[in-house]
């Protein structure tokens, strides 16, 4: 397959090729590469960088790429960097250097970019505009030799600026004509984003990229595309009310847990996930990497954060005479859904029994994170001794007292925003894990209590968020202290309902080992304190109040 465009074209798929395609009207498509005249006044053309560029399941437990057969041979390697640095790709690198730090999903905003190096460049569709796929390595101040995060950037290149927000437009580059080309984020351009499902439907292999389709699944075509809501680390495109494609902006070598766990859960018949339909893969640092995941869209779903927020905003002591708005039935069912997912994962992946030395190591790691957090956020210092006692309580616990502690594959980043309420019940999404952790860390077995504790923290956030910053200024809350007391009660009853639902559907009651659950919840709250202090200072009071509450309680007996 030459490309996934709607245009009849024999133009090859890599950006190092400088051939011409044809548009549907028979006019020449934009030529890629070549020197050109200055860009129009709408955007200056940065000079290209000096010097040559460079860069670096089958079964659910194997390291193989799902769907890859031994007879296929290894995935194609990206073209060498000197070819990639030709024409358009060379010209776009300075634009990327300026544009990447402005994107929500760019992780290195605190450090200046030293250089942007191309790893692969693939033309997915010819025409005007054309659709390109880039993988680049971004090196920043403080990175060592060979270090730097990899980013995935689908680009549109056309002669006219599309009607897109400024944040989605990179700028102009020369292409040998008077006007040059405007480059933009292709996922925000509906006409280009709408082409991507064809790659999965036809299982296209374009240069180093492979579009894979789950056996037996159909991928509908011709659906209108729209970019999804704001995400911290990825970008999703929704197609009509049938499909959602998530592109992992910071891919890592190896299989992404979101793909790995979703495929495994689907194979196990778990009904608590969005059905996987296909995935995009490509080579990275000599290993196959997951670049995207295509799933069935849940058109009638509401995420748990929004649903809980509606209840909280509709409640409060002033409106309900002190009666807590009822979300407990939903919290209970969400607990059941979480337990069902954990149960299916335990049946599919190995389960490890944790001995005393590993429990001690777990507590020691929590203590180290606390010490780093108190250095970063001095507001934690008054609670540090009490929090250390929480972790010491875990370290000294007998494994039998913890209910025979086990570790297994878990969600890894569970909160109300990762739970979707459909007409059929709760569905969990985004099994990627915490994106700032390495792939190895995210795939490591963990006690299920870590997921449970993370959800308990999310209930606390949902209850308290009306008291945060602008929300407080716009809310009808008049007596902050009274509302805070009411919110604490709301959080308490819903946390209890969630744990009760989990215990009813699972083989483990998360409240049976309070020292373990308390340690995980405390560790999560410490992480939240550091995050909020750095990124959302107005939200800091929520996790800090949780740390204060935990510190004021007596350590739980194992």
Protein backbone atom coordinates (compact mmCIF):
# COMPACT_ATOMS: atom_id res chain seq x y z
CA UNK A 1 0.00 0.00 0.00
CA UNK A 2 1.55 3.29 -1.09
CA UNK A 3 -0.36 5.53 1.34
CA UNK A 4 -3.68 5.91 3.12
CA UNK A 5 -4.91 8.97 1.22
CA UNK A 6 -8.09 9.26 -0.77
CA UNK A 7 -5.95 10.48 -3.65
CA UNK A 8 -4.92 8.11 -6.48
CA UNK A 9 -1.17 8.26 -6.11
CA UNK A 10 1.87 6.09 -6.54
CA UNK A 11 4.00 8.42 -4.44
CA UNK A 12 6.13 6.58 -1.96
CA UNK A 13 5.66 6.78 1.78
CA UNK A 14 8.86 8.22 3.22
CA UNK A 15 9.50 11.90 3.53
CA UNK A 16 12.97 11.54 2.08
CA UNK A 17 11.29 10.86 -1.27
CA UNK A 18 10.71 14.01 -3.31
CA UNK A 19 8.30 12.63 -5.92
CA UNK A 20 4.93 14.16 -6.70
CA UNK A 21 1.49 12.81 -6.02
CA UNK A 22 -1.76 13.97 -7.52
CA UNK A 23 -4.77 15.56 -5.89
CA UNK A 24 -8.27 14.39 -6.58
CA UNK A 25 -8.51 17.16 -9.18
CA UNK A 26 -5.43 15.94 -11.00
CA UNK A 27 -3.28 18.87 -9.87
CA UNK A 28 0.28 18.29 -8.62
CA UNK A 29 0.51 17.61 -4.92
CA UNK A 30 2.88 19.54 -2.71
CA UNK A 31 6.48 18.55 -3.38
CA UNK A 32 8.41 17.51 -0.31
CA UNK A 33 11.98 18.71 0.07
CA UNK A 34 14.10 21.08 -1.99
CA UNK A 35 15.27 24.65 -1.55
CA UNK A 36 12.82 27.48 -1.89
CA UNK A 37 12.03 31.16 -1.69
CA UNK A 38 11.32 33.06 1.53
CA UNK A 39 8.09 32.35 3.34
CA UNK A 40 5.29 34.93 3.29
CA UNK A 41 5.17 37.50 6.08
CA UNK A 42 2.80 35.25 8.06
CA UNK A 43 5.79 33.40 9.44
CA UNK A 44 9.57 33.68 8.99
CA UNK A 45 11.54 30.69 7.80
CA UNK A 46 14.12 29.59 10.35
CA UNK A 47 17.44 28.51 8.88
CA UNK A 48 18.01 24.75 8.94
CA UNK A 49 20.43 23.56 11.62
CA UNK A 50 24.08 23.26 10.69
CA UNK A 51 25.70 19.86 10.47
CA UNK A 52 24.21 16.46 9.78
CA UNK A 53 21.34 15.18 11.86
CA UNK A 54 21.50 11.91 13.73
CA UNK A 55 19.39 9.82 16.03
CA UNK A 56 19.21 6.64 17.38
CA UNK A 57 0.93 -11.30 21.59
CA UNK A 58 1.39 -13.41 20.33
CA UNK A 59 1.29 -14.04 24.11
CA UNK A 60 0.69 -11.37 26.77
CA UNK A 61 3.86 -12.25 28.68
CA UNK A 62 6.25 -12.27 25.76
CA UNK A 63 8.24 -9.38 24.41
CA UNK A 64 6.81 -9.95 20.92
CA UNK A 65 4.73 -7.34 19.18
CA UNK A 66 1.07 -8.45 19.13
CA UNK A 67 0.17 -9.80 15.72
CA UNK A 68 3.78 -10.01 14.52
CA UNK A 69 4.56 -13.38 12.94
CA UNK A 70 8.03 -14.85 12.86
CA UNK A 71 7.82 -15.25 9.11
CA UNK A 72 7.25 -11.55 8.64
CA UNK A 73 10.86 -10.72 9.52
CA UNK A 74 11.79 -7.86 11.84
CA UNK A 75 9.98 -4.52 11.52
CA UNK A 76 11.59 -2.21 9.00
CA UNK A 77 14.22 0.09 10.45
CA UNK A 78 13.87 3.85 9.91
CA UNK A 79 15.90 5.37 7.08
CA UNK A 80 19.32 6.75 8.07
CA UNK A 81 19.34 10.27 9.44
CA UNK A 82 21.18 11.95 6.51
CA UNK A 83 18.28 11.04 4.21
CA UNK A 84 15.77 12.31 6.73
CA UNK A 85 17.51 15.68 7.02
CA UNK A 86 16.67 16.48 3.41
CA UNK A 87 14.25 19.26 2.45
CA UNK A 88 11.07 19.46 4.45
CA UNK A 89 12.25 17.40 7.40
CA UNK A 90 15.39 19.49 7.83
CA UNK A 91 13.36 22.69 7.62
CA UNK A 92 10.78 21.57 10.18
CA UNK A 93 13.29 20.83 12.96
CA UNK A 94 13.76 24.48 14.06
CA UNK A 95 9.99 24.92 14.03
CA UNK A 96 9.58 21.88 16.26
CA UNK A 97 12.14 23.29 18.66
CA UNK A 98 9.93 26.35 19.18
CA UNK A 99 6.56 24.58 18.96
CA UNK A 100 7.01 21.49 21.13
CA UNK A 101 7.36 23.34 24.48
CA UNK A 102 4.00 25.03 23.84
CA UNK A 103 2.14 21.73 23.71
CA UNK A 104 0.31 20.37 26.74
CA UNK A 105 1.78 16.88 26.21
CA UNK A 106 5.41 18.04 26.08
CA UNK A 107 7.03 16.85 29.30
CA UNK A 108 10.19 18.97 29.47
CA UNK A 109 8.87 22.50 29.82
CA UNK A 110 11.28 23.34 32.64
CA UNK A 111 14.44 22.75 30.55
CA UNK A 112 15.48 24.45 27.29
CA UNK A 113 15.73 22.26 24.19
CA UNK A 114 19.29 21.69 22.97
CA UNK A 115 18.42 19.99 19.68
CA UNK A 116 15.73 18.08 17.84
CA UNK A 117 16.94 15.01 15.94
CA UNK A 118 14.85 13.14 13.33
CA UNK A 119 14.47 9.40 13.86
CA UNK A 120 11.98 8.56 11.11
CA UNK A 121 9.81 10.46 8.65
CA UNK A 122 7.02 8.76 6.72
CA UNK A 123 4.56 10.17 4.21
CA UNK A 124 1.17 8.68 5.03
CA UNK A 125 -0.87 10.51 2.40
CA UNK A 126 0.01 12.60 -0.64
CA UNK A 127 -1.91 15.67 -1.76
CA UNK A 128 -2.43 19.25 -0.69
CA UNK A 129 -2.29 19.07 2.23
CA UNK A 130 -0.17 15.97 2.63
CA UNK A 131 0.05 13.88 5.79
CA UNK A 132 3.45 13.12 7.34
CA UNK A 133 4.49 11.13 10.37
CA UNK A 134 7.58 12.13 12.35
CA UNK A 135 9.43 10.57 15.25
CA UNK A 136 11.99 12.92 16.76
CA UNK A 137 14.35 12.75 19.70
CA UNK A 138 14.41 15.92 21.81
CA UNK A 139 17.56 16.60 23.78
CA UNK A 140 17.40 19.15 26.57
CA UNK A 141 19.83 20.81 28.89
CA UNK A 142 21.06 18.26 31.40
CA UNK A 143 20.61 15.24 29.12
CA UNK A 144 23.64 13.01 28.75
CA UNK A 145 24.99 11.55 25.53
CA UNK A 146 22.37 9.42 23.84
CA UNK A 147 19.61 10.66 26.15
CA UNK A 148 16.48 12.57 25.22
CA UNK A 149 12.76 11.88 25.03
CA UNK A 150 11.16 10.67 21.80
CA UNK A 151 8.04 12.44 20.52
CA UNK A 152 5.52 11.46 17.87
CA UNK A 153 4.32 14.28 15.62
CA UNK A 154 1.84 13.70 12.76
CA UNK A 155 2.13 16.76 10.50
CA UNK A 156 0.04 18.30 7.78
CA UNK A 157 1.82 20.23 5.00
CA UNK A 158 -0.20 22.42 2.64
CA UNK A 159 -0.17 25.64 0.66
CA UNK A 160 -2.91 27.30 2.68
CA UNK A 161 -3.20 27.69 6.40
CA UNK A 162 -6.15 25.63 7.64
CA UNK A 163 -8.71 27.03 10.05
CA UNK A 164 -6.95 25.78 13.16
CA UNK A 165 -6.01 27.31 16.52
CA UNK A 166 -2.63 29.04 16.54
CA UNK A 167 -1.32 26.40 18.95
CA UNK A 168 -1.76 23.72 16.26
CA UNK A 169 0.27 25.58 13.59
CA UNK A 170 4.07 25.28 13.48
CA UNK A 171 4.82 27.83 10.74
CA UNK A 172 5.97 28.14 7.13
CA UNK A 173 8.82 26.41 5.31
CA UNK A 174 10.14 26.79 1.74
CA UNK A 175 9.44 24.14 -0.89
CA UNK A 176 10.80 25.74 -4.07
CA UNK A 177 7.71 27.84 -4.79
CA UNK A 178 6.87 31.43 -3.98
CA UNK A 179 4.45 30.67 -1.16
CA UNK A 180 6.06 27.67 0.52
CA UNK A 181 4.22 25.26 2.79
CA UNK A 182 2.46 25.74 6.10
CA UNK A 183 3.00 22.96 8.64
CA UNK A 184 0.44 22.06 11.30
CA UNK A 185 -0.54 19.33 13.73
CA UNK A 186 -2.41 16.88 11.50
CA UNK A 187 -4.52 15.45 14.32
CA UNK A 188 -6.27 18.82 14.64
CA UNK A 189 -7.11 18.86 10.91
CA UNK A 190 -10.28 16.77 10.43
CA UNK A 191 -9.66 16.00 6.75
CA UNK A 192 -6.22 14.52 7.46
CA UNK A 193 -7.09 12.81 10.74
CA UNK A 194 -10.03 11.13 8.97
CA UNK A 195 -7.57 9.24 6.74
CA UNK A 196 -5.94 7.25 9.55
CA UNK A 197 -8.61 4.54 10.07
CA UNK A 198 -7.99 3.32 6.51
CA UNK A 199 -4.51 2.26 7.55
CA UNK A 200 -5.97 -0.05 10.20
CA UNK A 201 -8.76 -1.32 7.96
CA UNK A 202 -6.24 -2.33 5.28
CA UNK A 203 -3.41 -3.24 7.69
CA UNK A 204 -1.07 -0.94 5.82
CA UNK A 205 2.72 -1.07 6.14
CA UNK A 206 4.16 2.32 5.21
CA UNK A 207 7.92 2.56 5.52
CA UNK A 208 8.76 1.64 9.12
CA UNK A 209 5.16 2.00 10.31
CA UNK A 210 2.71 -0.86 10.63
CA UNK A 211 -1.05 -0.47 11.05
CA UNK A 212 -2.35 -3.59 12.83
CA UNK A 213 -5.95 -4.73 13.13
CA UNK A 214 -7.22 -7.11 15.80
CA UNK A 215 -8.27 -10.37 14.18
CA UNK A 216 -12.00 -10.45 13.49
CA UNK A 217 -12.55 -6.74 14.08
CA UNK A 218 -13.92 -4.34 11.48
CA UNK A 219 -12.81 -0.72 11.18
CA UNK A 220 -15.52 1.52 9.67
CA UNK A 221 -14.36 4.22 7.25
CA UNK A 222 -15.67 7.61 6.16
CA UNK A 223 -16.41 8.86 9.67
CA UNK A 224 -15.93 12.54 10.59
CA UNK A 225 -12.92 13.17 12.81
CA UNK A 226 -12.57 15.50 15.78
CA UNK A 227 -9.72 15.84 18.21
CA UNK A 228 -10.58 14.74 21.74
CA UNK A 229 -10.46 16.79 24.90
CA UNK A 230 -7.27 17.97 26.57
CA UNK A 231 -4.98 15.15 27.68
CA UNK A 232 -1.81 15.44 29.68
CA UNK A 233 0.45 13.17 27.66
CA UNK A 234 -1.36 11.92 24.54
CA UNK A 235 -3.74 13.06 21.82
CA UNK A 236 -6.95 11.26 20.89
CA UNK A 237 -9.09 11.56 17.78
CA UNK A 238 -12.76 10.53 17.83
CA UNK A 239 -14.41 9.24 14.63
CA UNK A 240 -18.15 9.77 14.57
CA UNK A 241 -19.56 7.77 17.46
CA UNK A 242 -17.68 4.57 16.55
CA UNK A 243 -13.92 4.89 17.01
CA UNK A 244 -11.29 6.59 19.14
CA UNK A 245 -7.60 6.62 18.22
CA UNK A 246 -5.06 7.49 20.89
CA UNK A 247 -1.60 8.55 19.67
CA UNK A 248 1.08 8.19 22.32
CA UNK A 249 3.03 11.42 22.08
CA UNK A 250 6.01 10.06 24.04
CA UNK A 251 6.45 6.48 22.85
CA UNK A 252 8.97 4.13 24.42
CA UNK A 253 10.64 1.01 23.03
CA UNK A 254 8.48 -2.02 23.75
CA UNK A 255 4.78 -2.68 24.03
CA UNK A 256 2.73 0.01 25.78
CA UNK A 257 0.76 -1.34 28.77
CA UNK A 258 -2.40 0.28 27.39
CA UNK A 259 -2.23 -2.04 24.38
CA UNK A 260 -0.85 -5.03 26.27
CA UNK A 261 -3.44 -5.03 29.05
CA UNK A 262 -6.39 -4.08 26.85
CA UNK A 263 -5.67 -6.92 24.42
CA UNK A 264 -5.25 -9.37 27.30
CA UNK A 265 -8.48 -8.26 28.99
CA UNK A 266 -10.40 -8.47 25.72
CA UNK A 267 -9.08 -11.99 25.13
CA UNK A 268 -10.18 -12.91 28.66
CA UNK A 269 -13.71 -11.72 27.91
CA UNK A 270 -13.61 -8.82 30.37
CA UNK A 271 -16.55 -6.48 29.74
CA UNK A 272 -15.07 -3.57 31.70
CA UNK A 273 -12.92 -2.15 28.88
CA UNK A 274 -13.36 -0.37 25.56
CA UNK A 275 -12.92 -2.98 22.81
CA UNK A 276 -9.48 -2.79 21.13
CA UNK A 277 -9.63 -2.74 17.32
CA UNK A 278 -6.05 -2.13 16.23
CA UNK A 279 -2.75 -0.43 16.93
CA UNK A 280 0.05 1.48 15.23
CA UNK A 281 3.62 0.29 15.69
CA UNK A 282 7.09 1.24 14.55
CA UNK A 283 10.73 0.59 15.49
CA UNK A 284 12.38 2.63 18.22
CA UNK A 285 15.91 2.08 19.48
CA UNK A 286 15.97 -1.34 17.85
CA UNK A 287 12.71 -2.55 19.41
CA UNK A 288 9.09 -2.46 18.23
CA UNK A 289 7.20 0.37 19.91
CA UNK A 290 3.48 1.02 20.33
CA UNK A 291 2.61 4.36 18.72
CA UNK A 292 -1.17 4.33 18.85
CA UNK A 293 -4.23 2.37 19.99
CA UNK A 294 -7.57 2.21 18.14
CA UNK A 295 -10.62 1.30 20.24
CA UNK A 296 -14.38 1.31 20.08
CA UNK A 297 -15.74 4.68 21.19
CA UNK A 298 -18.21 4.86 24.08
CA UNK A 299 -20.67 7.49 22.80
CA UNK A 300 -23.05 7.43 25.76
CA UNK A 301 -20.38 7.45 28.45
CA UNK A 302 -19.68 10.07 31.11
CA UNK A 303 -16.38 9.96 32.95
CA UNK A 304 -16.44 9.46 36.68
CA UNK A 305 -14.86 12.82 37.46
CA UNK A 306 -17.63 14.68 35.64
CA UNK A 307 -20.35 12.48 37.11
CA UNK A 308 -19.09 12.83 40.68
CA UNK A 309 -18.53 16.54 40.13
CA UNK A 310 -22.15 17.03 39.12
CA UNK A 311 -23.31 15.42 42.35
CA UNK A 312 -20.93 17.47 44.47
CA UNK A 313 -21.86 20.73 42.76
CA UNK A 314 -25.55 19.95 43.19
CA UNK A 315 -25.09 19.21 46.88
CA UNK A 316 -23.62 20.92 49.87
CA UNK A 317 -25.10 21.57 53.30
CA UNK A 318 -26.82 24.80 52.22
CA UNK A 319 -28.82 23.06 49.49
CA UNK A 320 -29.45 19.65 51.02
CA UNK A 321 -29.82 20.46 54.72
CA UNK A 322 -26.73 18.46 55.48
CA UNK A 323 -27.86 15.38 53.52
CA UNK A 324 -24.99 14.00 51.47
CA UNK A 325 -25.99 13.69 47.77
CA UNK A 326 -26.11 10.01 46.90
CA UNK A 327 -23.24 8.79 44.77
CA UNK A 328 -22.65 5.69 46.86
CA UNK A 329 -24.42 3.31 44.47
CA UNK A 330 -22.14 4.45 41.66
CA UNK A 331 -19.07 4.22 43.91
CA UNK A 332 -20.04 0.68 44.90
CA UNK A 333 -20.43 -0.42 41.29
CA UNK A 334 -17.14 1.24 40.37
CA UNK A 335 -15.48 -0.81 43.11
CA UNK A 336 -16.99 -3.96 41.61
CA UNK A 337 -15.70 -3.01 38.15
CA UNK A 338 -12.20 -2.42 39.50
CA UNK A 339 -12.18 -5.81 41.23
CA UNK A 340 -13.37 -7.55 38.05
CA UNK A 341 -10.55 -5.99 36.03
CA UNK A 342 -7.99 -6.96 38.67
CA UNK A 343 -9.38 -10.49 38.71
CA UNK A 344 -9.11 -10.83 34.93
CA UNK A 345 -5.54 -9.51 34.99
CA UNK A 346 -4.62 -11.99 37.74
CA UNK A 347 -5.94 -14.84 35.60
CA UNK A 348 -4.02 -13.66 32.53
CA UNK A 349 -0.67 -12.53 33.93
CA UNK A 350 1.59 -14.07 36.59
CA UNK A 351 0.89 -13.24 40.24
CA UNK A 352 3.80 -12.90 42.67
CA UNK A 353 3.70 -13.42 46.41
CA UNK A 354 5.60 -10.68 48.20
CA UNK A 355 7.84 -11.73 51.05
CA UNK A 356 8.89 -9.53 53.97
CA UNK A 357 12.02 -8.20 52.26
CA UNK A 358 10.02 -6.90 49.30
CA UNK A 359 7.47 -5.30 51.59
CA UNK A 360 10.33 -3.56 53.37
CA UNK A 361 11.75 -2.43 50.03
CA UNK A 362 8.33 -1.06 49.09
CA UNK A 363 8.15 0.96 52.31
CA UNK A 364 11.74 2.16 51.91
CA UNK A 365 10.94 3.48 48.42
CA UNK A 366 7.97 5.39 49.83
CA UNK A 367 10.21 6.89 52.52
CA UNK A 368 12.75 8.02 49.92
CA UNK A 369 10.00 9.73 47.95
CA UNK A 370 8.89 11.47 51.14
CA UNK A 371 12.40 12.79 51.80
CA UNK A 372 12.64 14.15 48.26
CA UNK A 373 9.17 15.68 48.57
CA UNK A 374 9.93 17.49 51.84
CA UNK A 375 12.97 19.05 50.19
CA UNK A 376 10.85 20.21 47.25
CA UNK A 377 7.81 21.33 49.29
CA UNK A 378 8.72 22.57 52.81
CA UNK A 379 5.01 22.69 53.71
CA UNK A 380 5.29 18.92 54.22
CA UNK A 381 7.88 19.21 57.00
CA UNK A 382 5.40 19.46 59.93
CA UNK A 383 3.92 16.09 58.91
CA UNK A 384 7.12 14.27 57.94
CA UNK A 385 7.62 12.32 61.18
CA UNK A 386 4.04 11.06 61.23
CA UNK A 387 4.24 10.04 57.58
CA UNK A 388 7.50 8.19 58.20
CA UNK A 389 5.65 6.28 60.91
CA UNK A 390 3.02 5.25 58.36
CA UNK A 391 5.69 3.78 56.11
CA UNK A 392 7.53 2.20 59.05
CA UNK A 393 4.26 0.55 60.03
CA UNK A 394 4.16 -1.10 56.60
CA UNK A 395 7.83 -2.11 56.73
CA UNK A 396 7.31 -3.86 60.05
CA UNK A 397 4.11 -5.64 59.09
CA UNK A 398 4.01 -9.41 58.89
CA UNK A 399 3.07 -10.57 55.36
CA UNK A 400 0.41 -12.84 56.90
CA UNK A 401 -1.11 -9.85 58.67
CA UNK A 402 -1.37 -8.17 55.27
CA UNK A 403 -3.49 -11.02 53.98
CA UNK A 404 -0.76 -12.78 52.01
CA UNK A 405 0.37 -9.78 50.00
CA UNK A 406 0.48 -10.42 46.26
CA UNK A 407 1.65 -8.37 43.29
CA UNK A 408 0.10 -8.51 39.83
CA UNK A 409 -0.48 -6.33 36.80
CA UNK A 410 -2.72 -3.39 37.68
CA UNK A 411 -4.08 -0.27 35.99
CA UNK A 412 -1.31 1.90 37.40
CA UNK A 413 -2.92 5.34 37.10
CA UNK A 414 -6.48 4.85 38.27
CA UNK A 415 -8.74 7.79 39.09
CA UNK A 416 -12.29 8.91 38.40
CA UNK A 417 -11.30 10.40 35.05
CA UNK A 418 -10.15 6.94 33.90
CA UNK A 419 -13.56 5.40 34.62
CA UNK A 420 -16.41 5.79 32.12
CA UNK A 421 -20.05 5.29 33.15
CA UNK A 422 -21.97 3.74 30.26
CA UNK A 423 -25.55 2.47 30.15
CA UNK A 424 -24.18 -1.01 30.75
CA UNK A 425 -22.04 -0.03 33.72
CA UNK A 426 -18.52 1.18 34.49
CA UNK A 427 -15.67 0.78 32.01
CA UNK A 428 -11.99 1.47 32.80
CA UNK A 429 -9.79 3.15 30.20
CA UNK A 430 -6.19 4.32 29.74
CA UNK A 431 -4.15 1.41 31.08
CA UNK A 432 -0.92 3.19 30.12
CA UNK A 433 0.16 3.77 33.72
CA UNK A 434 1.81 6.95 34.96
CA UNK A 435 3.51 8.35 31.82
CA UNK A 436 6.45 9.81 33.75
CA UNK A 437 7.51 6.33 34.85
CA UNK A 438 9.60 4.11 32.61
CA UNK A 439 7.94 1.34 30.64
CA UNK A 440 9.69 -1.23 32.84
CA UNK A 441 8.25 0.38 35.98
CA UNK A 442 4.76 0.58 34.50
CA UNK A 443 4.77 -3.11 33.58
CA UNK A 444 6.03 -4.24 36.99
CA UNK A 445 3.54 -6.22 39.13
CA UNK A 446 2.11 -4.24 42.05
CA UNK A 447 -0.33 -4.89 44.91
CA UNK A 448 -3.90 -4.13 43.83
CA UNK A 449 -4.16 -1.80 46.82
CA UNK A 450 -2.14 0.72 44.87
CA UNK A 451 -5.00 1.14 42.38
CA UNK A 452 -7.57 1.19 45.18
CA UNK A 453 -5.67 3.88 47.08
CA UNK A 454 -5.38 6.01 43.94
CA UNK A 455 -9.15 5.88 43.46
CA UNK A 456 -9.72 6.78 47.11
CA UNK A 457 -7.58 9.86 46.59
CA UNK A 458 -9.67 10.72 43.53
CA UNK A 459 -12.87 10.73 45.62
CA UNK A 460 -11.17 13.20 47.94
CA UNK A 461 -10.31 15.45 44.99
CA UNK A 462 -13.86 15.27 43.63
CA UNK A 463 -15.31 16.28 46.99
CA UNK A 464 -12.93 19.18 47.61
CA UNK A 465 -12.44 20.65 44.13
CA UNK A 466 -15.27 23.25 44.45
CA UNK A 467 -13.08 24.96 47.07
CA UNK A 468 -10.18 25.44 44.65
CA UNK A 469 -9.23 28.81 43.15
CA UNK A 470 -11.55 30.06 40.44
CA UNK A 471 -14.06 27.31 41.17
CA UNK A 472 -14.53 28.71 44.67
CA UNK A 473 -14.91 32.24 43.30
CA UNK A 474 -17.61 31.04 40.87
CA UNK A 475 -19.37 28.60 43.21
CA UNK A 476 -22.37 29.27 45.47
CA UNK A 477 -20.37 28.12 48.52
CA UNK A 478 -20.76 30.72 51.24
CA UNK A 479 -19.41 28.98 54.33
CA UNK A 480 -16.14 27.35 53.32
CA UNK A 481 -15.60 25.57 56.63
CA UNK A 482 -19.11 24.13 56.57
CA UNK A 483 -18.73 22.94 52.98
CA UNK A 484 -15.32 21.42 53.73
CA UNK A 485 -16.85 19.37 56.55
CA UNK A 486 -19.68 18.26 54.29
CA UNK A 487 -17.22 17.38 51.51
CA UNK A 488 -15.16 15.28 53.92
CA UNK A 489 -18.31 13.31 54.81
CA UNK A 490 -19.16 12.87 51.12
CA UNK A 491 -15.69 11.56 50.41
CA UNK A 492 -15.77 9.22 53.42
CA UNK A 493 -19.06 7.50 52.55
CA UNK A 494 -18.18 7.09 48.89
CA UNK A 495 -14.71 5.75 49.65
CA UNK A 496 -16.34 3.19 51.94
CA UNK A 497 -18.87 2.26 49.24
CA UNK A 498 -16.10 1.81 46.67
CA UNK A 499 -14.17 -0.53 48.97
CA UNK A 500 -17.35 -2.47 49.77
CA UNK A 501 -18.05 -2.97 46.08
CA UNK A 502 -14.49 -4.10 45.51
CA UNK A 503 -14.70 -6.62 48.35
CA UNK A 504 -18.03 -7.97 47.07
CA UNK A 505 -16.71 -8.70 43.57
CA UNK A 506 -13.08 -9.56 44.32
CA UNK A 507 -11.25 -12.15 46.34
CA UNK A 508 -9.67 -9.52 48.60
CA UNK A 509 -11.11 -6.84 50.87
CA UNK A 510 -8.87 -3.75 50.53
CA UNK A 511 -9.76 -2.75 54.10
CA UNK A 512 -8.44 -6.06 55.47
CA UNK A 513 -4.86 -4.73 55.44
CA UNK A 514 -5.18 -1.11 56.63
CA UNK A 515 -1.42 -0.59 57.01
CA UNK A 516 -0.90 -1.38 53.34
CA UNK A 517 -3.80 0.69 52.00
CA UNK A 518 -2.89 3.60 54.27
CA UNK A 519 0.72 3.57 53.09
CA UNK A 520 -0.28 3.57 49.43
CA UNK A 521 -2.77 6.38 49.96
CA UNK A 522 -0.18 8.43 51.85
CA UNK A 523 2.42 7.84 49.16
CA UNK A 524 -0.07 8.98 46.52
CA UNK A 525 -0.94 12.11 48.50
CA UNK A 526 2.77 12.98 48.83
CA UNK A 527 3.13 12.65 45.05
CA UNK A 528 0.10 14.93 44.60
CA UNK A 529 1.57 17.57 46.90
CA UNK A 530 4.72 17.80 44.80
CA UNK A 531 2.76 17.85 41.54
CA UNK A 532 0.36 20.57 42.68
CA UNK A 533 3.14 22.70 44.15
CA UNK A 534 4.91 22.66 40.79
CA UNK A 535 1.99 22.89 38.38
CA UNK A 536 -1.24 23.98 40.12
CA UNK A 537 -0.49 25.80 43.38
CA UNK A 538 -4.15 26.65 43.91
CA UNK A 539 -4.89 22.91 44.21
CA UNK A 540 -2.17 22.26 46.80
CA UNK A 541 -4.57 22.48 49.74
CA UNK A 542 -6.38 19.29 48.67
CA UNK A 543 -3.52 16.79 48.98
CA UNK A 544 -1.87 18.74 51.80
CA UNK A 545 -5.05 18.49 53.88
CA UNK A 546 -5.07 14.74 53.21
CA UNK A 547 -1.50 14.44 54.47
CA UNK A 548 -2.46 16.43 57.57
CA UNK A 549 -5.45 14.15 58.18
CA UNK A 550 -3.34 11.01 57.84
CA UNK A 551 -0.65 12.45 60.10
CA UNK A 552 -3.23 13.21 62.79
CA UNK A 553 -4.51 9.63 62.84
CA UNK A 554 -2.87 6.92 64.87
CA UNK A 555 -0.98 4.39 62.74
CA UNK A 556 -3.27 1.55 61.79
CA UNK A 557 -2.54 -1.89 63.11
CA UNK A 558 -1.51 -4.37 60.41
